[in-house]
């Protein structure tokens, strides 16, 4: 399934390499092929719609970079959108698993906001490099999906991550966080439905 998806996306982007500039028709044709490839890979229809709409909007509104050809620009946009989705899932699925276990609202989400989300966001290296923090605070960034997404974004934009970790380790951590969160959410929802 993933090989087929990869092959279809690669052939879609290969067709753009011959273009000197992206027209709206080129973007629409590319987005249509991306949509078909994702639907053939059994991705949920609402996710495909939202993803392709974001890619189309960004591709049409993208400032033309002198260093990138149209295919590279679309590939970069698709990569950034996929990383954003993965980061959102890595952050949101564990919270969804926790919310499935709540039976009575006692302000639990305000505690999550104050003591989990805010520190993970503030110490994620988004505003300043993580290595500028003392070592005893850096671990907060290491467990934050936001840091991993930020580092992948820097790798996509600048070529190398300043933190020293290879981009694929950040990707593996995000995939592991997403898979763990999905497993916890699945288990929590099944337990909640059976009780």
Foldseek 3Di string as FASTA:
>chain_A
DVVQLVVQLVVLLVVQQVDQDDDLVNLVVSLVSNLVSCVVVVDDPVVSVVLSVQLSVCLVVPDDDPVDGSSLVSVLSSVLSVLVVLLCLLVPLLVLLVVLQDDDDPPPVVCCVPPPVVLLVVCQCPVHRNVVDPPVSSVSNVLRLSNLSVQLNCCSVPVHGPVPDGNVVSVVSSVVSNVVSNVSNVVSNVVSVVD
